[in-house]
């Protein structure tokens, strides 16, 4: 079965950095567009970033643009989220998601993604 396992979360001070990883198994990772979303307590799930199946196309939420970089290593079946200049409002559970729609560039819409990880907690203190 498909598994997405996030790691790399933690507690950092405002202005700090974290690099999240999502290791995928049970699917043809090199054909899957990937996304990162986040959910804070009491709030709806929010799009963060997405990357195409080739890695050549990326798209970011306005709230993180310029501070976050999504990348992938198809040899390692892993997608990354490098987050810099973190703010307290970035505090949330971060989830990665995969879609096997062929030749897909990725999407900011959660309904597109068939598979989800359990998430990793990111806490940013002021």
Foldseek 3Di string as FASTA:
>chain_A
DKAWAKDFADEEAAQAKIKMKIAIDDDQLLFKKKFKWWDAPPDDIFGAKIAWSNRPAIDGDPVQPPFWDWGDDSVRNMIMIIGGRDDQVVWTWMKMFIANDGRDGTDRDPVRTDDIHPTDTHGYHD
